[in-house]
Amino acid sequence: MTWQQTIDEERFEAREEGRREGRQAGITEGAHDKAVETARRMIARGKATLEEIAEDTSLPLAEIQALQNA
């Protein structure tokens, strides 16, 4: 393998790793946004305690409390 081929391969691998990391970050952010949306709807209905909402959405209780006060 030539020096240039090695460089090209390393660049390709670095780009692919960046894409994978970006996709994973997007998936994580999307899941969090969905949990927040669900929590807001549950708070609006008023049929569950904040602790139950935190448990059901896997969001921290402090975040649920902040959503309630927003």
Protein backbone atom coordinates (compact mmCIF):
# COMPACT_ATOMS: atom_id res chain seq x y z
CA MET A 1 0.00 0.00 0.00
CA THR A 2 1.35 3.41 -0.89
CA TRP A 3 1.65 6.33 1.45
CA GLN A 4 -1.20 8.14 -0.34
CA GLN A 5 -3.47 5.08 -0.15
CA THR A 6 -2.82 4.85 3.58
CA ILE A 7 -3.70 8.53 4.05
CA ASP A 8 -6.85 8.17 1.93
CA GLU A 9 -7.95 5.10 3.87
CA GLU A 10 -7.42 6.84 7.21
CA ARG A 11 -9.38 9.87 6.04
CA PHE A 12 -12.22 7.65 4.86
CA GLU A 13 -12.29 5.81 8.19
CA ALA A 14 -12.26 9.10 10.12
CA ARG A 15 -15.19 10.43 8.07
CA GLU A 16 -17.16 7.24 8.59
CA GLU A 17 -16.53 7.38 12.33
CA GLY A 18 -17.74 11.00 12.37
CA ARG A 19 -20.89 10.02 10.50
CA ARG A 20 -21.58 7.18 12.93
CA GLU A 21 -21.10 9.51 15.90
CA GLY A 22 -23.36 12.11 14.30
CA ARG A 23 -26.10 9.58 13.64
CA GLN A 24 -25.90 8.31 17.22
CA ALA A 25 -26.09 11.86 18.58
CA GLY A 26 -29.15 12.50 16.42
CA ILE A 27 -30.85 9.34 17.63
CA THR A 28 -30.13 10.24 21.25
CA GLU A 29 -31.39 13.80 20.80
CA GLY A 30 -34.53 12.58 19.04
CA ALA A 31 -35.30 10.11 21.83
CA HIS A 32 -34.88 12.85 24.43
CA ASP A 33 -37.15 15.21 22.48
CA LYS A 34 -39.81 12.50 22.26
CA ALA A 35 -39.58 11.84 26.01
CA VAL A 36 -39.98 15.57 26.72
CA GLU A 37 -43.01 15.73 24.42
CA THR A 38 -44.57 12.76 26.20
CA ALA A 39 -43.84 14.28 29.61
CA ARG A 40 -45.49 17.56 28.60
CA ARG A 41 -48.63 15.74 27.51
CA MET A 42 -48.70 13.72 30.74
CA ILE A 43 -48.26 16.88 32.83
CA ALA A 44 -51.09 18.58 30.91
CA ARG A 45 -53.42 15.64 31.60
CA GLY A 46 -52.61 15.79 35.30
CA LYS A 47 -53.36 12.11 35.87
CA ALA A 48 -49.87 11.05 36.97
CA THR A 49 -47.49 12.29 39.62
CA LEU A 50 -44.25 13.93 38.56
CA GLU A 51 -42.38 10.94 39.92
CA GLU A 52 -44.46 8.58 37.76
CA ILE A 53 -43.86 10.75 34.71
CA ALA A 54 -40.12 10.73 35.40
CA GLU A 55 -40.16 6.97 35.73
CA ASP A 56 -42.28 6.41 32.60
CA THR A 57 -40.21 8.75 30.40
CA SER A 58 -36.79 7.99 31.94
CA LEU A 59 -36.24 11.73 32.38
CA PRO A 60 -34.77 13.12 35.59
CA LEU A 61 -37.35 14.37 38.09
CA ALA A 62 -35.72 17.82 38.03
CA GLU A 63 -36.34 18.05 34.29
CA ILE A 64 -39.98 17.05 34.75
CA GLN A 65 -40.36 19.72 37.44
CA ALA A 66 -38.81 22.31 35.11
CA LEU A 67 -41.26 21.33 32.38
CA GLN A 68 -44.16 21.72 34.78
CA ASN A 69 -42.99 25.20 35.75
CA ALA A 70 -42.33 26.33 32.18
